[in-house]
Amino acid sequence: GDIFFENCFKNGVLALVLPPAAAAAIRRQLQERPGATISVDLEGQ
């Protein structure tokens, strides 16, 4: 949502938008492997 998205950045939080299939795949991977991690490279996007 627009307000949430704006507030994320105002509070120093990256709101990262991915295609629905990619977001769902990452969520599924995290659920299947508790403790698994993701890595975000903001500079390299």
ModelCIF file with pLDDT and N, C-alpha, C, O atoms, coordinates in Angstrom:
data_MODEL
#
_entry.id   MODEL 
#
_entity.id                         1 
_entity.type                       polymer 
_entity.pdbx_number_of_molecules   1 
#
_entity_poly.entity_id                      1 
_entity_poly.type                           'polypeptide(L)' 
_entity_poly.nstd_linkage                   no 
_entity_poly.nstd_monomer                   no 
_entity_poly.pdbx_seq_one_letter_code       GDIFFENCFKNGVLALVLPPAAAAAIRRQLQERPGATISVDLEGQ 
_entity_poly.pdbx_seq_one_letter_code_can   GDIFFENCFKNGVLALVLPPAAAAAIRRQLQERPGATISVDLEGQ 
_entity_poly.pdbx_strand_id                 A 
#
loop_
_entity_poly_seq.entity_id 
_entity_poly_seq.num 
_entity_poly_seq.mon_id 
_entity_poly_seq.hetero 
1 1  GLY n 
1 2  ASP n 
1 3  ILE n 
1 4  PHE n 
1 5  PHE n 
1 6  GLU n 
1 7  ASN n 
1 8  CYS n 
1 9  PHE n 
1 10 LYS n 
1 11 ASN n 
1 12 GLY n 
1 13 VAL n 
1 14 LEU n 
1 15 ALA n 
1 16 LEU n 
1 17 VAL n 
1 18 LEU n 
1 19 PRO n 
1 20 PRO n 
1 21 ALA n 
1 22 ALA n 
1 23 ALA n 
1 24 ALA n 
1 25 ALA n 
1 26 ILE n 
1 27 ARG n 
1 28 ARG n 
1 29 GLN n 
1 30 LEU n 
1 31 GLN n 
1 32 GLU n 
1 33 ARG n 
1 34 PRO n 
1 35 GLY n 
1 36 ALA n 
1 37 THR n 
1 38 ILE n 
1 39 SER n 
1 40 VAL n 
1 41 ASP n 
1 42 LEU n 
1 43 GLU n 
1 44 GLY n 
1 45 GLN n 
#
_struct_asym.id          A 
_struct_asym.entity_id   1 
#
loop_
_ma_qa_metric.id 
_ma_qa_metric.mode 
_ma_qa_metric.name 
_ma_qa_metric.software_group_id 
_ma_qa_metric.type 
1 global pLDDT . pLDDT 
2 local  pLDDT . pLDDT 
#
_ma_qa_metric_global.metric_id      1 
_ma_qa_metric_global.metric_value   95.29 
_ma_qa_metric_global.model_id       1 
_ma_qa_metric_global.ordinal_id     1 
#
loop_
_ma_qa_metric_local.label_asym_id 
_ma_qa_metric_local.label_comp_id 
_ma_qa_metric_local.label_seq_id 
_ma_qa_metric_local.metric_id 
_ma_qa_metric_local.metric_value 
_ma_qa_metric_local.model_id 
_ma_qa_metric_local.ordinal_id 
A GLY 1  2 97.00 1 1  
A ASP 2  2 96.00 1 2  
A ILE 3  2 97.00 1 3  
A PHE 4  2 97.00 1 4  
A PHE 5  2 96.00 1 5  
A GLU 6  2 93.00 1 6  
A ASN 7  2 94.00 1 7  
A CYS 8  2 95.00 1 8  
A PHE 9  2 92.00 1 9  
A LYS 10 2 90.00 1 10 
A ASN 11 2 91.00 1 11 
A GLY 12 2 91.00 1 12 
A VAL 13 2 95.00 1 13 
A LEU 14 2 96.00 1 14 
A ALA 15 2 96.00 1 15 
A LEU 16 2 95.00 1 16 
A VAL 17 2 96.00 1 17 
A LEU 18 2 96.00 1 18 
A PRO 19 2 96.00 1 19 
A PRO 20 2 97.00 1 20 
A ALA 21 2 96.00 1 21 
A ALA 22 2 96.00 1 22 
A ALA 23 2 96.00 1 23 
A ALA 24 2 96.00 1 24 
A ALA 25 2 96.00 1 25 
A ILE 26 2 96.00 1 26 
A ARG 27 2 95.00 1 27 
A ARG 28 2 96.00 1 28 
A GLN 29 2 97.00 1 29 
A LEU 30 2 95.00 1 30 
A GLN 31 2 95.00 1 31 
A GLU 32 2 95.00 1 32 
A ARG 33 2 94.00 1 33 
A PRO 34 2 92.00 1 34 
A GLY 35 2 94.00 1 35 
A ALA 36 2 95.00 1 36 
A THR 37 2 95.00 1 37 
A ILE 38 2 96.00 1 38 
A SER 39 2 96.00 1 39 
A VAL 40 2 97.00 1 40 
A ASP 41 2 97.00 1 41 
A LEU 42 2 97.00 1 42 
A GLU 43 2 96.00 1 43 
A GLY 44 2 97.00 1 44 
A GLN 45 2 97.00 1 45 
#
loop_
_atom_site.group_PDB 
_atom_site.id 
_atom_site.type_symbol 
_atom_site.label_atom_id 
_atom_site.label_alt_id 
_atom_site.label_comp_id 
_atom_site.label_asym_id 
_atom_site.label_entity_id 
_atom_site.label_seq_id 
_atom_site.pdbx_PDB_ins_code 
_atom_site.Cartn_x 
_atom_site.Cartn_y 
_atom_site.Cartn_z 
_atom_site.occupancy 
_atom_site.B_iso_or_equiv 
_atom_site.pdbx_formal_charge 
_atom_site.auth_seq_id 
_atom_site.auth_comp_id 
_atom_site.auth_asym_id 
_atom_site.auth_atom_id 
_atom_site.pdbx_PDB_model_num 
ATOM 1   N N  . GLY A 1 1  ? 0.850  -1.187  0.000  1.00 97.00 ? 1  GLY A N  1 
ATOM 2   C CA . GLY A 1 1  ? 0.000  0.000   0.000  1.00 97.00 ? 1  GLY A CA 1 
ATOM 3   C C  . GLY A 1 1  ? 0.887  1.240   0.000  1.00 97.00 ? 1  GLY A C  1 
ATOM 4   O O  . GLY A 1 1  ? 1.991  1.222   0.545  1.00 97.00 ? 1  GLY A O  1 
ATOM 5   N N  . ASP A 1 2  ? 0.405  2.304   -0.607 1.00 96.00 ? 2  ASP A N  1 
ATOM 6   C CA . ASP A 1 2  ? 1.200  3.520   -0.752 1.00 96.00 ? 2  ASP A CA 1 
ATOM 7   C C  . ASP A 1 2  ? 1.704  4.081   0.574  1.00 96.00 ? 2  ASP A C  1 
ATOM 8   O O  . ASP A 1 2  ? 2.881  4.420   0.699  1.00 96.00 ? 2  ASP A O  1 
ATOM 9   N N  . ILE A 1 3  ? 0.823  4.178   1.557  1.00 97.00 ? 3  ILE A N  1 
ATOM 10  C CA . ILE A 1 3  ? 1.220  4.764   2.840  1.00 97.00 ? 3  ILE A CA 1 
ATOM 11  C C  . ILE A 1 3  ? 2.252  3.881   3.526  1.00 97.00 ? 3  ILE A C  1 
ATOM 12  O O  . ILE A 1 3  ? 3.252  4.381   4.042  1.00 97.00 ? 3  ILE A O  1 
ATOM 13  N N  . PHE A 1 4  ? 2.019  2.571   3.537  1.00 97.00 ? 4  PHE A N  1 
ATOM 14  C CA . PHE A 1 4  ? 2.977  1.652   4.149  1.00 97.00 ? 4  PHE A CA 1 
ATOM 15  C C  . PHE A 1 4  ? 4.329  1.751   3.442  1.00 97.00 ? 4  PHE A C  1 
ATOM 16  O O  . PHE A 1 4  ? 5.370  1.818   4.097  1.00 97.00 ? 4  PHE A O  1 
ATOM 17  N N  . PHE A 1 5  ? 4.315  1.760   2.116  1.00 96.00 ? 5  PHE A N  1 
ATOM 18  C CA . PHE A 1 5  ? 5.537  1.832   1.317  1.00 96.00 ? 5  PHE A CA 1 
ATOM 19  C C  . PHE A 1 5  ? 6.327  3.096   1.667  1.00 96.00 ? 5  PHE A C  1 
ATOM 20  O O  . PHE A 1 5  ? 7.534  3.033   1.900  1.00 96.00 ? 5  PHE A O  1 
ATOM 21  N N  . GLU A 1 6  ? 5.650  4.231   1.702  1.00 93.00 ? 6  GLU A N  1 
ATOM 22  C CA . GLU A 1 6  ? 6.310  5.500   2.045  1.00 93.00 ? 6  GLU A CA 1 
ATOM 23  C C  . GLU A 1 6  ? 6.860  5.464   3.466  1.00 93.00 ? 6  GLU A C  1 
ATOM 24  O O  . GLU A 1 6  ? 7.980  5.911   3.712  1.00 93.00 ? 6  GLU A O  1 
ATOM 25  N N  . ASN A 1 7  ? 6.077  4.935   4.399  1.00 94.00 ? 7  ASN A N  1 
ATOM 26  C CA . ASN A 1 7  ? 6.511  4.889   5.795  1.00 94.00 ? 7  ASN A CA 1 
ATOM 27  C C  . ASN A 1 7  ? 7.711  3.981   5.998  1.00 94.00 ? 7  ASN A C  1 
ATOM 28  O O  . ASN A 1 7  ? 8.543  4.247   6.865  1.00 94.00 ? 7  ASN A O  1 
ATOM 29  N N  . CYS A 1 8  ? 7.816  2.920   5.217  1.00 95.00 ? 8  CYS A N  1 
ATOM 30  C CA . CYS A 1 8  ? 8.999  2.053   5.315  1.00 95.00 ? 8  CYS A CA 1 
ATOM 31  C C  . CYS A 1 8  ? 10.258 2.876   5.110  1.00 95.00 ? 8  CYS A C  1 
ATOM 32  O O  . CYS A 1 8  ? 11.172 2.831   5.934  1.00 95.00 ? 8  CYS A O  1 
ATOM 33  N N  . PHE A 1 9  ? 10.315 3.625   4.020  1.00 92.00 ? 9  PHE A N  1 
ATOM 34  C CA . PHE A 1 9  ? 11.510 4.410   3.728  1.00 92.00 ? 9  PHE A CA 1 
ATOM 35  C C  . PHE A 1 9  ? 11.726 5.510   4.752  1.00 92.00 ? 9  PHE A C  1 
ATOM 36  O O  . PHE A 1 9  ? 12.867 5.812   5.099  1.00 92.00 ? 9  PHE A O  1 
ATOM 37  N N  . LYS A 1 10 ? 10.654 6.111   5.240  1.00 90.00 ? 10 LYS A N  1 
ATOM 38  C CA . LYS A 1 10 ? 10.790 7.154   6.265  1.00 90.00 ? 10 LYS A CA 1 
ATOM 39  C C  . LYS A 1 10 ? 11.386 6.594   7.554  1.00 90.00 ? 10 LYS A C  1 
ATOM 40  O O  . LYS A 1 10 ? 11.974 7.329   8.347  1.00 90.00 ? 10 LYS A O  1 
ATOM 41  N N  . ASN A 1 11 ? 11.227 5.280   7.753  1.00 91.00 ? 11 ASN A N  1 
ATOM 42  C CA . ASN A 1 11 ? 11.744 4.634   8.957  1.00 91.00 ? 11 ASN A CA 1 
ATOM 43  C C  . ASN A 1 11 ? 12.995 3.801   8.687  1.00 91.00 ? 11 ASN A C  1 
ATOM 44  O O  . ASN A 1 11 ? 13.400 2.996   9.526  1.00 91.00 ? 11 ASN A O  1 
ATOM 45  N N  . GLY A 1 12 ? 13.608 3.993   7.516  1.00 91.00 ? 12 GLY A N  1 
ATOM 46  C CA . GLY A 1 12 ? 14.857 3.308   7.216  1.00 91.00 ? 12 GLY A CA 1 
ATOM 47  C C  . GLY A 1 12 ? 14.710 1.848   6.848  1.00 91.00 ? 12 GLY A C  1 
ATOM 48  O O  . GLY A 1 12 ? 15.641 1.065   7.032  1.00 91.00 ? 12 GLY A O  1 
ATOM 49  N N  . VAL A 1 13 ? 13.561 1.473   6.333  1.00 95.00 ? 13 VAL A N  1 
ATOM 50  C CA . VAL A 1 13 ? 13.300 0.082   5.963  1.00 95.00 ? 13 VAL A CA 1 
ATOM 51  C C  . VAL A 1 13 ? 13.145 -0.009  4.446  1.00 95.00 ? 13 VAL A C  1 
ATOM 52  O O  . VAL A 1 13 ? 12.393 0.758   3.844  1.00 95.00 ? 13 VAL A O  1 
ATOM 53  N N  . LEU A 1 14 ? 13.853 -0.941  3.841  1.00 96.00 ? 14 LEU A N  1 
ATOM 54  C CA . LEU A 1 14 ? 13.729 -1.172  2.407  1.00 96.00 ? 14 LEU A CA 1 
ATOM 55  C C  . LEU A 1 14 ? 12.462 -1.970  2.136  1.00 96.00 ? 14 LEU A C  1 
ATOM 56  O O  . LEU A 1 14 ? 12.294 -3.073  2.656  1.00 96.00 ? 14 LEU A O  1 
ATOM 57  N N  . ALA A 1 15 ? 11.576 -1.417  1.328  1.00 96.00 ? 15 ALA A N  1 
ATOM 58  C CA . ALA A 1 15 ? 10.383 -2.136  0.871  1.00 96.00 ? 15 ALA A CA 1 
ATOM 59  C C  . ALA A 1 15 ? 10.700 -2.608  -0.547 1.00 96.00 ? 15 ALA A C  1 
ATOM 60  O O  . ALA A 1 15 ? 10.721 -1.822  -1.494 1.00 96.00 ? 15 ALA A O  1 
ATOM 61  N N  . LEU A 1 16 ? 10.943 -3.895  -0.662 1.00 95.00 ? 16 LEU A N  1 
ATOM 62  C CA . LEU A 1 16 ? 11.439 -4.478  -1.892 1.00 95.00 ? 16 LEU A CA 1 
ATOM 63  C C  . LEU A 1 16 ? 10.295 -5.153  -2.638 1.00 95.00 ? 16 LEU A C  1 
ATOM 64  O O  . LEU A 1 16 ? 9.686  -6.093  -2.129 1.00 95.00 ? 16 LEU A O  1 
ATOM 65  N N  . VAL A 1 17 ? 10.006 -4.675  -3.837 1.00 96.00 ? 17 VAL A N  1 
ATOM 66  C CA . VAL A 1 17 ? 8.903  -5.210  -4.641 1.00 96.00 ? 17 VAL A CA 1 
ATOM 67  C C  . VAL A 1 17 ? 9.474  -6.180  -5.670 1.00 96.00 ? 17 VAL A C  1 
ATOM 68  O O  . VAL A 1 17 ? 10.326 -5.820  -6.481 1.00 96.00 ? 17 VAL A O  1 
ATOM 69  N N  . LEU A 1 18 ? 8.986  -7.416  -5.618 1.00 96.00 ? 18 LEU A N  1 
ATOM 70  C CA . LEU A 1 18 ? 9.371  -8.445  -6.578 1.00 96.00 ? 18 LEU A CA 1 
ATOM 71  C C  . LEU A 1 18 ? 8.122  -8.943  -7.298 1.00 96.00 ? 18 LEU A C  1 
ATOM 72  O O  . LEU A 1 18 ? 7.011  -8.786  -6.792 1.00 96.00 ? 18 LEU A O  1 
ATOM 73  N N  . PRO A 1 19 ? 8.295  -9.539  -8.469 1.00 96.00 ? 19 PRO A N  1 
ATOM 74  C CA . PRO A 1 19 ? 7.138  -10.135 -9.139 1.00 96.00 ? 19 PRO A CA 1 
ATOM 75  C C  . PRO A 1 19 ? 6.460  -11.153 -8.216 1.00 96.00 ? 19 PRO A C  1 
ATOM 76  O O  . PRO A 1 19 ? 7.133  -11.797 -7.411 1.00 96.00 ? 19 PRO A O  1 
ATOM 77  N N  . PRO A 1 20 ? 5.143  -11.303 -8.325 1.00 97.00 ? 20 PRO A N  1 
ATOM 78  C CA . PRO A 1 20 ? 4.421  -12.217 -7.430 1.00 97.00 ? 20 PRO A CA 1 
ATOM 79  C C  . PRO A 1 20 ? 5.004  -13.628 -7.373 1.00 97.00 ? 20 PRO A C  1 
ATOM 80  O O  . PRO A 1 20 ? 5.088  -14.211 -6.291 1.00 97.00 ? 20 PRO A O  1 
ATOM 81  N N  . ALA A 1 21 ? 5.402  -14.178 -8.494 1.00 96.00 ? 21 ALA A N  1 
ATOM 82  C CA . ALA A 1 21 ? 5.945  -15.546 -8.498 1.00 96.00 ? 21 ALA A CA 1 
ATOM 83  C C  . ALA A 1 21 ? 7.263  -15.616 -7.726 1.00 96.00 ? 21 ALA A C  1 
ATOM 84  O O  . ALA A 1 21 ? 7.508  -16.580 -7.000 1.00 96.00 ? 21 ALA A O  1 
ATOM 85  N N  . ALA A 1 22 ? 8.102  -14.609 -7.878 1.00 96.00 ? 22 ALA A N  1 
ATOM 86  C CA . ALA A 1 22 ? 9.383  -14.592 -7.164 1.00 96.00 ? 22 ALA A CA 1 
ATOM 87  C C  . ALA A 1 22 ? 9.163  -14.436 -5.661 1.00 96.00 ? 22 ALA A C  1 
ATOM 88  O O  . ALA A 1 22 ? 9.800  -15.130 -4.868 1.00 96.00 ? 22 ALA A O  1 
ATOM 89  N N  . ALA A 1 23 ? 8.271  -13.534 -5.264 1.00 96.00 ? 23 ALA A N  1 
ATOM 90  C CA . ALA A 1 23 ? 7.980  -13.342 -3.835 1.00 96.00 ? 23 ALA A CA 1 
ATOM 91  C C  . ALA A 1 23 ? 7.419  -14.622 -3.228 1.00 96.00 ? 23 ALA A C  1 
ATOM 92  O O  . ALA A 1 23 ? 7.792  -14.997 -2.117 1.00 96.00 ? 23 ALA A O  1 
ATOM 93  N N  . ALA A 1 24 ? 6.528  -15.292 -3.947 1.00 96.00 ? 24 ALA A N  1 
ATOM 94  C CA . ALA A 1 24 ? 5.945  -16.550 -3.452 1.00 96.00 ? 24 ALA A CA 1 
ATOM 95  C C  . ALA A 1 24 ? 7.006  -17.639 -3.347 1.00 96.00 ? 24 ALA A C  1 
ATOM 96  O O  . ALA A 1 24 ? 6.999  -18.412 -2.389 1.00 96.00 ? 24 ALA A O  1 
ATOM 97  N N  . ALA A 1 25 ? 7.912  -17.714 -4.310 1.00 96.00 ? 25 ALA A N  1 
ATOM 98  C CA . ALA A 1 25 ? 8.972  -18.735 -4.280 1.00 96.00 ? 25 ALA A CA 1 
ATOM 99  C C  . ALA A 1 25 ? 9.891  -18.518 -3.084 1.00 96.00 ? 25 ALA A C  1 
ATOM 100 O O  . ALA A 1 25 ? 10.270 -19.478 -2.413 1.00 96.00 ? 25 ALA A O  1 
ATOM 101 N N  . ILE A 1 26 ? 10.249 -17.274 -2.814 1.00 96.00 ? 26 ILE A N  1 
ATOM 102 C CA . ILE A 1 26 ? 11.116 -16.979 -1.665 1.00 96.00 ? 26 ILE A CA 1 
ATOM 103 C C  . ILE A 1 26 ? 10.401 -17.313 -0.368 1.00 96.00 ? 26 ILE A C  1 
ATOM 104 O O  . ILE A 1 26 ? 10.994 -17.912 0.529  1.00 96.00 ? 26 ILE A O  1 
ATOM 105 N N  . ARG A 1 27 ? 9.135  -16.933 -0.258 1.00 95.00 ? 27 ARG A N  1 
ATOM 106 C CA . ARG A 1 27 ? 8.361  -17.253 0.947  1.00 95.00 ? 27 ARG A CA 1 
ATOM 107 C C  . ARG A 1 27 ? 8.309  -18.771 1.155  1.00 95.00 ? 27 ARG A C  1 
ATOM 108 O O  . ARG A 1 27 ? 8.478  -19.255 2.275  1.00 95.00 ? 27 ARG A O  1 
ATOM 109 N N  . ARG A 1 28 ? 8.076  -19.516 0.073  1.00 96.00 ? 28 ARG A N  1 
ATOM 110 C CA . ARG A 1 28 ? 8.007  -20.981 0.157  1.00 96.00 ? 28 ARG A CA 1 
ATOM 111 C C  . ARG A 1 28 ? 9.359  -21.554 0.609  1.00 96.00 ? 28 ARG A C  1 
ATOM 112 O O  . ARG A 1 28 ? 9.403  -22.451 1.450  1.00 96.00 ? 28 ARG A O  1 
ATOM 113 N N  . GLN A 1 29 ? 10.448 -21.039 0.054  1.00 97.00 ? 29 GLN A N  1 
ATOM 114 C CA . GLN A 1 29 ? 11.781 -21.521 0.437  1.00 97.00 ? 29 GLN A CA 1 
ATOM 115 C C  . GLN A 1 29 ? 12.045 -21.282 1.922  1.00 97.00 ? 29 GLN A C  1 
ATOM 116 O O  . GLN A 1 29 ? 12.598 -22.144 2.604  1.00 97.00 ? 29 GLN A O  1 
ATOM 117 N N  . LEU A 1 30 ? 11.656 -20.128 2.413  1.00 95.00 ? 30 LEU A N  1 
ATOM 118 C CA . LEU A 1 30 ? 11.863 -19.815 3.827  1.00 95.00 ? 30 LEU A CA 1 
ATOM 119 C C  . LEU A 1 30 ? 11.002 -20.686 4.731  1.00 95.00 ? 30 LEU A C  1 
ATOM 120 O O  . LEU A 1 30 ? 11.429 -21.054 5.826  1.00 95.00 ? 30 LEU A O  1 
ATOM 121 N N  . GLN A 1 31 ? 9.796  -21.020 4.285  1.00 95.00 ? 31 GLN A N  1 
ATOM 122 C CA . GLN A 1 31 ? 8.924  -21.892 5.078  1.00 95.00 ? 31 GLN A CA 1 
ATOM 123 C C  . GLN A 1 31 ? 9.441  -23.325 5.085  1.00 95.00 ? 31 GLN A C  1 
ATOM 124 O O  . GLN A 1 31 ? 9.352  -24.006 6.106  1.00 95.00 ? 31 GLN A O  1 
ATOM 125 N N  . GLU A 1 32 ? 9.976  -23.791 3.971  1.00 95.00 ? 32 GLU A N  1 
ATOM 126 C CA . GLU A 1 32 ? 10.457 -25.163 3.860  1.00 95.00 ? 32 GLU A CA 1 
ATOM 127 C C  . GLU A 1 32 ? 11.773 -25.379 4.589  1.00 95.00 ? 32 GLU A C  1 
ATOM 128 O O  . GLU A 1 32 ? 12.087 -26.496 5.000  1.00 95.00 ? 32 GLU A O  1 
ATOM 129 N N  . ARG A 1 33 ? 12.533 -24.316 4.748  1.00 94.00 ? 33 ARG A N  1 
ATOM 130 C CA . ARG A 1 33 ? 13.846 -24.423 5.394  1.00 94.00 ? 33 ARG A CA 1 
ATOM 131 C C  . ARG A 1 33 ? 13.956 -23.414 6.524  1.00 94.00 ? 33 ARG A C  1 
ATOM 132 O O  . ARG A 1 33 ? 14.577 -22.365 6.354  1.00 94.00 ? 33 ARG A O  1 
ATOM 133 N N  . PRO A 1 34 ? 13.359 -23.714 7.685  1.00 92.00 ? 34 PRO A N  1 
ATOM 134 C CA . PRO A 1 34 ? 13.461 -22.786 8.816  1.00 92.00 ? 34 PRO A CA 1 
ATOM 135 C C  . PRO A 1 34 ? 14.933 -22.463 9.104  1.00 92.00 ? 34 PRO A C  1 
ATOM 136 O O  . PRO A 1 34 ? 15.786 -23.350 9.148  1.00 92.00 ? 34 PRO A O  1 
ATOM 137 N N  . GLY A 1 35 ? 15.197 -21.201 9.294  1.00 94.00 ? 35 GLY A N  1 
ATOM 138 C CA . GLY A 1 35 ? 16.565 -20.760 9.547  1.00 94.00 ? 35 GLY A CA 1 
ATOM 139 C C  . GLY A 1 35 ? 17.314 -20.371 8.286  1.00 94.00 ? 35 GLY A C  1 
ATOM 140 O O  . GLY A 1 35 ? 18.417 -19.828 8.359  1.00 94.00 ? 35 GLY A O  1 
ATOM 141 N N  . ALA A 1 36 ? 16.723 -20.645 7.131  1.00 95.00 ? 36 ALA A N  1 
ATOM 142 C CA . ALA A 1 36 ? 17.360 -20.248 5.872  1.00 95.00 ? 36 ALA A CA 1 
ATOM 143 C C  . ALA A 1 36 ? 17.425 -18.722 5.814  1.00 95.00 ? 36 ALA A C  1 
ATOM 144 O O  . ALA A 1 36 ? 16.631 -18.033 6.454  1.00 95.00 ? 36 ALA A O  1 
ATOM 145 N N  . THR A 1 37 ? 18.355 -18.221 5.062  1.00 95.00 ? 37 THR A N  1 
ATOM 146 C CA . THR A 1 37 ? 18.534 -16.774 4.990  1.00 95.00 ? 37 THR A CA 1 
ATOM 147 C C  . THR A 1 37 ? 18.452 -16.284 3.551  1.00 95.00 ? 37 THR A C  1 
ATOM 148 O O  . THR A 1 37 ? 18.604 -17.038 2.591  1.00 95.00 ? 37 THR A O  1 
ATOM 149 N N  . ILE A 1 38 ? 18.211 -15.012 3.455  1.00 96.00 ? 38 ILE A N  1 
ATOM 150 C CA . ILE A 1 38 ? 18.274 -14.318 2.174  1.00 96.00 ? 38 ILE A CA 1 
ATOM 151 C C  . ILE A 1 38 ? 19.324 -13.225 2.330  1.00 96.00 ? 38 ILE A C  1 
ATOM 152 O O  . ILE A 1 38 ? 19.651 -12.821 3.445  1.00 96.00 ? 38 ILE A O  1 
ATOM 153 N N  . SER A 1 39 ? 19.838 -12.758 1.221  1.00 96.00 ? 39 SER A N  1 
ATOM 154 C CA . SER A 1 39 ? 20.830 -11.692 1.242  1.00 96.00 ? 39 SER A CA 1 
ATOM 155 C C  . SER A 1 39 ? 20.370 -10.593 0.294  1.00 96.00 ? 39 SER A C  1 
ATOM 156 O O  . SER A 1 39 ? 19.992 -10.856 -0.847 1.00 96.00 ? 39 SER A O  1 
ATOM 157 N N  . VAL A 1 40 ? 20.409 -9.359  0.783  1.00 97.00 ? 40 VAL A N  1 
ATOM 158 C CA . VAL A 1 40 ? 20.015 -8.216  -0.038 1.00 97.00 ? 40 VAL A CA 1 
ATOM 159 C C  . VAL A 1 40 ? 21.237 -7.327  -0.229 1.00 97.00 ? 40 VAL A C  1 
ATOM 160 O O  . VAL A 1 40 ? 21.873 -6.904  0.737  1.00 97.00 ? 40 VAL A O  1 
ATOM 161 N N  . ASP A 1 41 ? 21.549 -7.055  -1.476 1.00 97.00 ? 41 ASP A N  1 
ATOM 162 C CA . ASP A 1 41 ? 22.619 -6.124  -1.829 1.00 97.00 ? 41 ASP A CA 1 
ATOM 163 C C  . ASP A 1 41 ? 21.943 -4.868  -2.365 1.00 97.00 ? 41 ASP A C  1 
ATOM 164 O O  . ASP A 1 41 ? 21.585 -4.795  -3.541 1.00 97.00 ? 41 ASP A O  1 
ATOM 165 N N  . LEU A 1 42 ? 21.776 -3.889  -1.496 1.00 97.00 ? 42 LEU A N  1 
ATOM 166 C CA . LEU A 1 42 ? 21.085 -2.662  -1.890 1.00 97.00 ? 42 LEU A CA 1 
ATOM 167 C C  . LEU A 1 42 ? 21.867 -1.918  -2.961 1.00 97.00 ? 42 LEU A C  1 
ATOM 168 O O  . LEU A 1 42 ? 21.288 -1.413  -3.924 1.00 97.00 ? 42 LEU A O  1 
ATOM 169 N N  . GLU A 1 43 ? 23.179 -1.851  -2.793 1.00 96.00 ? 43 GLU A N  1 
ATOM 170 C CA . GLU A 1 43 ? 23.980 -1.123  -3.770 1.00 96.00 ? 43 GLU A CA 1 
ATOM 171 C C  . GLU A 1 43 ? 23.861 -1.755  -5.159 1.00 96.00 ? 43 GLU A C  1 
ATOM 172 O O  . GLU A 1 43 ? 23.727 -1.043  -6.154 1.00 96.00 ? 43 GLU A O  1 
ATOM 173 N N  . GLY A 1 44 ? 23.909 -3.083  -5.229 1.00 97.00 ? 44 GLY A N  1 
ATOM 174 C CA . GLY A 1 44 ? 23.786 -3.778  -6.497 1.00 97.00 ? 44 GLY A CA 1 
ATOM 175 C C  . GLY A 1 44 ? 22.351 -4.057  -6.905 1.00 97.00 ? 44 GLY A C  1 
ATOM 176 O O  . GLY A 1 44 ? 22.088 -4.524  -8.013 1.00 97.00 ? 44 GLY A O  1 
ATOM 177 N N  . GLN A 1 45 ? 21.419 -3.765  -5.994 1.00 97.00 ? 45 GLN A N  1 
ATOM 178 C CA . GLN A 1 45 ? 19.986 -3.964  -6.214 1.00 97.00 ? 45 GLN A CA 1 
ATOM 179 C C  . GLN A 1 45 ? 19.650 -5.402  -6.592 1.00 97.00 ? 45 GLN A C  1 
ATOM 180 O O  . GLN A 1 45 ? 18.483 -5.727  -6.809 1.00 97.00 ? 45 GLN A O  1 
#
